[in-house]
Amino acid sequence: MGRSLLVLSGGHPYEEGPFAELLTGLGDWEVTHLIHPEAEEAVAAGAAENADALLFYDMAGYTFADGAVTMRPPSQGFSDAIAARFAAGKGAVAMHHALAGWAQWPAWHEWLGGGFLYQPGEWQGRAMPDSGYRHDVAYQAWMVADHPVTRGLPESFPVTDELYLCPIDESALIPLARAEGFAFTAANFHSAAQAVAGRMFSRAGWHHPPGSNCIAWESRTCPAPLVYLQFGDGPATYANPHVRRMLRQALDYTSGDQP
């Protein structure tokens, strides 16, 4: 029997074939891939309890319709199951748009150390504007920690991927990688709220404070190993060998199976 990997997705579009190929290229995992809303129901019923590794590639808790977004928290069963997994010392990896998932589940974002906001809201008791996104940014990913997730990787490697301008609490995390060669300021990003309203790639009238360039980290606040990787918008990133290695090592690390 190989090691078991539970993957959660849904709530945000992605290219299914290339993502499936990414999962099959991760090594000797027996992969179970669940998509919301069935994923939420299955986790509430115990699907995450015995999985060796858990990968969040989901953005649940939103309904987008008619230029507006409505948000809801997860079911009590789902949030209890994830909290119980972490309390038992079993970790997880969160990837890309999972930073936006479950906007109305505060514990999730406290564990992650950040959150992407589709609408103006609050972060750690402070009013915050909606977050920013920018597709197809060419940048250098610099490894900034000697850590099981970064081991064996070059000091830096090129990535072309989507980046976020959003609240990140660096005091709540251990930085693993930073994006260099691109400024995390409002002038370089587009407004998420305007995209929801049908105005893609707009920043008209939108203001956001400068943000962190940390794109990979381990949580300091989660009771189990929790690693976030901002990589993962599409096939070019899925195929990046260094991103794949980082994801493989993050899954090994958070499952307690370090090489």
Protein backbone atom coordinates (compact mmCIF):
# COMPACT_ATOMS: atom_id res chain seq x y z
CA MET A 1 0.00 0.00 0.00
CA GLY A 2 1.28 3.43 -0.93
CA ARG A 3 0.77 6.57 1.03
CA SER A 4 -2.64 8.19 0.79
CA LEU A 5 -3.12 11.75 -0.50
CA LEU A 6 -6.47 13.51 -0.26
CA VAL A 7 -6.85 16.44 -2.69
CA LEU A 8 -9.67 18.96 -2.33
CA SER A 9 -10.59 21.24 -5.23
CA GLY A 10 -13.55 23.23 -6.52
CA GLY A 11 -14.82 26.79 -6.24
CA HIS A 12 -12.25 28.15 -8.71
CA PRO A 13 -11.68 27.08 -12.33
CA TYR A 14 -8.53 25.24 -13.34
CA GLU A 15 -7.39 23.02 -16.19
CA GLU A 16 -8.37 19.56 -15.05
CA GLY A 17 -6.16 17.46 -17.33
CA PRO A 18 -2.87 19.21 -16.56
CA PHE A 19 -3.73 19.31 -12.84
CA ALA A 20 -4.45 15.56 -12.85
CA GLU A 21 -1.09 15.02 -14.56
CA LEU A 22 0.58 17.08 -11.83
CA LEU A 23 -0.95 14.83 -9.19
CA THR A 24 0.18 11.62 -10.93
CA GLY A 25 3.70 13.07 -11.16
CA LEU A 26 4.05 13.60 -7.42
CA GLY A 27 5.29 10.11 -6.60
CA ASP A 28 3.94 7.03 -4.88
CA TRP A 29 0.73 8.55 -3.55
CA GLU A 30 -2.64 6.85 -3.74
CA VAL A 31 -4.64 9.93 -4.70
CA THR A 32 -8.26 10.57 -3.80
CA HIS A 33 -9.46 13.78 -5.47
CA LEU A 34 -12.69 15.27 -4.13
CA ILE A 35 -14.42 18.33 -5.59
CA HIS A 36 -16.77 20.66 -3.71
CA PRO A 37 -19.57 20.43 -2.69
CA GLU A 38 -19.02 16.68 -2.38
CA ALA A 39 -15.58 17.31 -0.87
CA GLU A 40 -17.07 19.28 2.02
CA GLU A 41 -19.57 16.51 2.73
CA ALA A 42 -16.93 13.76 2.52
CA VAL A 43 -14.50 15.53 4.86
CA ALA A 44 -17.32 16.12 7.35
CA ALA A 45 -17.97 12.37 7.18
CA GLY A 46 -14.33 11.53 7.97
CA ALA A 47 -12.50 11.47 4.62
CA ALA A 48 -9.53 13.52 5.92
CA GLU A 49 -9.06 11.66 9.18
CA ASN A 50 -6.75 8.91 7.98
CA ALA A 51 -5.20 10.46 4.87
CA ASP A 52 -1.41 10.57 5.15
CA ALA A 53 -1.30 13.89 3.28
CA LEU A 54 -3.88 16.55 2.52
CA LEU A 55 -3.72 19.11 -0.31
CA PHE A 56 -6.09 22.09 -0.43
CA TYR A 57 -6.44 23.36 -4.01
CA ASP A 58 -9.95 24.63 -3.39
CA MET A 59 -11.64 27.99 -3.01
CA ALA A 60 -14.85 27.08 -1.26
CA GLY A 61 -17.44 29.20 0.48
CA TYR A 62 -18.34 31.53 -2.42
CA THR A 63 -21.18 31.91 -4.87
CA PHE A 64 -20.50 34.26 -7.79
CA ALA A 65 -23.57 35.40 -9.71
CA ASP A 66 -24.83 38.51 -11.53
CA GLY A 67 -21.75 40.59 -10.73
CA ALA A 68 -21.90 39.89 -6.99
CA VAL A 69 -20.47 37.39 -4.54
CA THR A 70 -22.06 35.79 -1.50
CA MET A 71 -19.96 34.01 1.13
CA ARG A 72 -20.64 31.36 3.75
CA PRO A 73 -18.59 29.44 6.31
CA PRO A 74 -18.01 25.70 5.98
CA SER A 75 -20.33 23.24 7.65
CA GLN A 76 -19.62 22.56 11.30
CA GLY A 77 -18.73 19.00 10.36
CA PHE A 78 -16.10 20.12 7.85
CA SER A 79 -14.46 22.71 10.12
CA ASP A 80 -14.50 20.29 13.07
CA ALA A 81 -12.87 17.57 10.96
CA ILE A 82 -10.03 19.83 9.78
CA ALA A 83 -9.50 21.21 13.31
CA ALA A 84 -9.38 17.64 14.66
CA ARG A 85 -6.84 16.61 12.02
CA PHE A 86 -4.58 19.53 12.93
CA ALA A 87 -5.04 18.94 16.68
CA ALA A 88 -3.87 15.36 16.11
CA GLY A 89 -0.65 16.69 14.55
CA LYS A 90 -1.57 15.72 10.99
CA GLY A 91 -0.65 18.49 8.58
CA ALA A 92 -1.62 19.79 5.15
CA VAL A 93 -0.44 21.77 2.13
CA ALA A 94 -2.51 24.68 0.81
CA MET A 95 -1.87 25.83 -2.73
CA HIS A 96 -2.59 28.99 -4.72
CA HIS A 97 -6.26 30.06 -4.50
CA ALA A 98 -6.77 28.09 -1.25
CA LEU A 99 -5.59 31.35 0.37
CA ALA A 100 -8.97 32.83 -0.63
CA GLY A 101 -11.12 29.87 0.41
CA TRP A 102 -13.59 30.01 3.28
CA ALA A 103 -13.49 33.78 3.80
CA GLN A 104 -15.95 33.38 6.68
CA TRP A 105 -13.93 30.75 8.56
CA PRO A 106 -11.52 32.87 10.66
CA ALA A 107 -9.58 29.89 12.06
CA TRP A 108 -8.55 28.81 8.56
CA HIS A 109 -6.91 32.15 7.85
CA GLU A 110 -5.36 32.35 11.32
CA TRP A 111 -3.72 28.97 10.68
CA LEU A 112 -2.63 30.01 7.16
CA GLY A 113 -1.32 33.41 8.22
CA GLY A 114 -3.00 35.22 5.35
CA GLY A 115 -6.10 35.63 3.25
CA PHE A 116 -7.15 36.85 -0.17
CA LEU A 117 -10.24 39.09 0.00
CA TYR A 118 -12.72 39.23 -2.88
CA GLN A 119 -14.54 42.11 -1.17
CA PRO A 120 -13.37 44.81 1.24
CA GLY A 121 -13.36 43.31 4.72
CA GLU A 122 -11.33 42.90 7.88
CA TRP A 123 -7.95 41.38 8.63
CA GLN A 124 -6.89 41.05 12.27
CA GLY A 125 -9.41 43.70 13.31
CA ARG A 126 -8.39 46.23 10.67
CA ALA A 127 -10.44 47.31 7.67
CA MET A 128 -8.85 46.11 4.43
CA PRO A 129 -9.65 46.72 0.77
CA ASP A 130 -10.33 43.85 -1.59
CA SER A 131 -7.17 42.03 -2.66
CA GLY A 132 -5.21 42.25 -5.90
CA TYR A 133 -4.31 39.68 -8.52
CA ARG A 134 -1.96 39.70 -11.50
CA HIS A 135 -1.75 36.87 -14.03
CA ASP A 136 1.32 35.63 -15.89
CA VAL A 137 3.95 37.45 -13.84
CA ALA A 138 7.52 36.41 -14.72
CA TYR A 139 9.59 36.50 -11.54
CA GLN A 140 12.38 34.73 -9.66
CA ALA A 141 11.39 32.50 -6.74
CA TRP A 142 14.16 32.85 -4.14
CA MET A 143 14.53 30.19 -1.44
CA VAL A 144 15.01 32.00 1.87
CA ALA A 145 15.14 29.09 4.35
CA ASP A 146 17.01 25.83 4.79
CA HIS A 147 13.92 23.70 5.30
CA PRO A 148 12.73 20.22 4.23
CA VAL A 149 10.39 21.91 1.73
CA THR A 150 13.21 23.86 0.02
CA ARG A 151 16.03 21.29 0.30
CA GLY A 152 17.81 20.44 -2.93
CA LEU A 153 16.27 23.34 -4.84
CA PRO A 154 18.41 25.99 -6.56
CA GLU A 155 18.82 29.27 -4.69
CA SER A 156 16.37 30.77 -7.16
CA PHE A 157 14.42 29.65 -10.20
CA PRO A 158 12.16 31.38 -12.77
CA VAL A 159 8.39 31.15 -12.49
CA THR A 160 5.60 32.62 -14.61
CA ASP A 161 2.42 32.52 -12.58
CA GLU A 162 -0.33 34.55 -10.91
CA LEU A 163 0.61 36.56 -7.82
CA TYR A 164 -1.56 38.09 -5.09
CA LEU A 165 -1.52 41.38 -3.21
CA CYS A 166 -3.33 40.54 0.01
CA PRO A 167 -2.97 40.47 3.81
CA ILE A 168 -0.12 38.22 4.97
CA ASP A 169 1.05 38.22 8.60
CA GLU A 170 4.76 37.42 8.45
CA SER A 171 4.90 37.15 12.26
CA ALA A 172 2.61 34.11 11.93
CA LEU A 173 4.78 32.21 9.48
CA ILE A 174 8.23 30.93 8.57
CA PRO A 175 9.09 32.33 5.11
CA LEU A 176 10.34 29.68 2.69
CA ALA A 177 10.40 31.57 -0.63
CA ARG A 178 9.97 35.11 -1.90
CA ALA A 179 9.13 36.55 -5.31
CA GLU A 180 11.87 38.88 -6.51
CA GLY A 181 11.83 41.16 -9.52
CA PHE A 182 8.24 42.33 -9.09
CA ALA A 183 6.89 45.02 -6.76
CA PHE A 184 3.93 44.10 -4.54
CA THR A 185 2.20 47.45 -4.88
CA ALA A 186 -1.29 48.36 -6.07
CA ALA A 187 0.01 49.75 -9.37
CA ASN A 188 1.05 46.21 -10.39
CA PHE A 189 -2.19 44.41 -9.52
CA HIS A 190 -5.88 44.40 -10.42
CA SER A 191 -8.86 44.66 -8.06
CA ALA A 192 -10.62 41.41 -7.15
CA ALA A 193 -13.88 43.21 -6.37
CA GLN A 194 -13.88 44.86 -9.77
CA ALA A 195 -13.31 41.47 -11.41
CA VAL A 196 -16.33 40.10 -9.53
CA ALA A 197 -18.36 43.04 -10.86
CA GLY A 198 -17.38 42.13 -14.41
CA ARG A 199 -14.49 44.55 -14.85
CA MET A 200 -11.53 42.23 -15.25
CA PHE A 201 -8.01 43.68 -15.09
CA SER A 202 -9.15 46.99 -13.59
CA ARG A 203 -7.70 48.99 -10.72
CA ALA A 204 -9.68 52.20 -11.30
CA GLY A 205 -10.35 53.87 -7.96
CA TRP A 206 -8.78 50.96 -6.08
CA HIS A 207 -6.13 51.44 -3.42
CA HIS A 208 -4.20 48.79 -1.47
CA PRO A 209 -1.19 49.08 0.84
CA PRO A 210 2.07 47.45 -0.29
CA GLY A 211 2.12 43.73 0.46
CA SER A 212 4.47 40.91 1.31
CA ASN A 213 6.49 39.19 -1.41
CA CYS A 214 6.47 35.93 0.56
CA ILE A 215 5.05 33.23 -1.72
CA ALA A 216 5.77 30.07 0.28
CA TRP A 217 5.78 29.54 4.01
CA GLU A 218 5.12 27.26 6.96
CA SER A 219 2.55 28.36 9.51
CA ARG A 220 3.70 29.15 13.04
CA THR A 221 0.13 29.14 14.36
CA CYS A 222 -1.26 25.79 13.19
CA PRO A 223 -0.83 22.92 15.69
CA ALA A 224 0.26 20.65 12.82
CA PRO A 225 2.65 21.27 9.90
CA LEU A 226 0.82 23.54 7.43
CA VAL A 227 2.65 24.78 4.32
CA TYR A 228 1.28 27.31 1.84
CA LEU A 229 2.58 27.55 -1.74
CA GLN A 230 1.29 30.43 -3.86
CA PHE A 231 2.38 28.63 -7.04
CA GLY A 232 -0.34 26.97 -9.08
CA ASP A 233 -2.42 29.09 -11.45
CA GLY A 234 -2.10 26.84 -14.47
CA PRO A 235 -0.28 24.28 -16.64
CA ALA A 236 2.99 26.23 -17.02
CA THR A 237 3.41 26.20 -13.24
CA TYR A 238 2.19 22.62 -12.83
CA ALA A 239 4.97 21.59 -15.24
CA ASN A 240 7.75 23.61 -13.56
CA PRO A 241 10.11 20.93 -12.20
CA HIS A 242 11.18 23.07 -9.22
CA VAL A 243 7.57 23.80 -8.25
CA ARG A 244 6.84 20.08 -8.50
CA ARG A 245 9.78 19.26 -6.26
CA MET A 246 8.70 21.87 -3.73
CA LEU A 247 5.16 20.47 -3.69
CA ARG A 248 6.42 16.88 -3.34
CA GLN A 249 8.65 17.87 -0.44
CA ALA A 250 5.85 19.87 1.20
CA LEU A 251 3.57 16.84 1.06
CA ASP A 252 6.33 14.64 2.50
CA TYR A 253 7.04 17.16 5.24
CA THR A 254 3.44 17.78 6.28
CA SER A 255 2.69 14.05 6.29
CA GLY A 256 5.61 13.43 8.66
CA ASP A 257 7.46 11.42 6.01
CA GLN A 258 10.64 13.39 5.39
CA PRO A 259 13.35 11.88 3.19
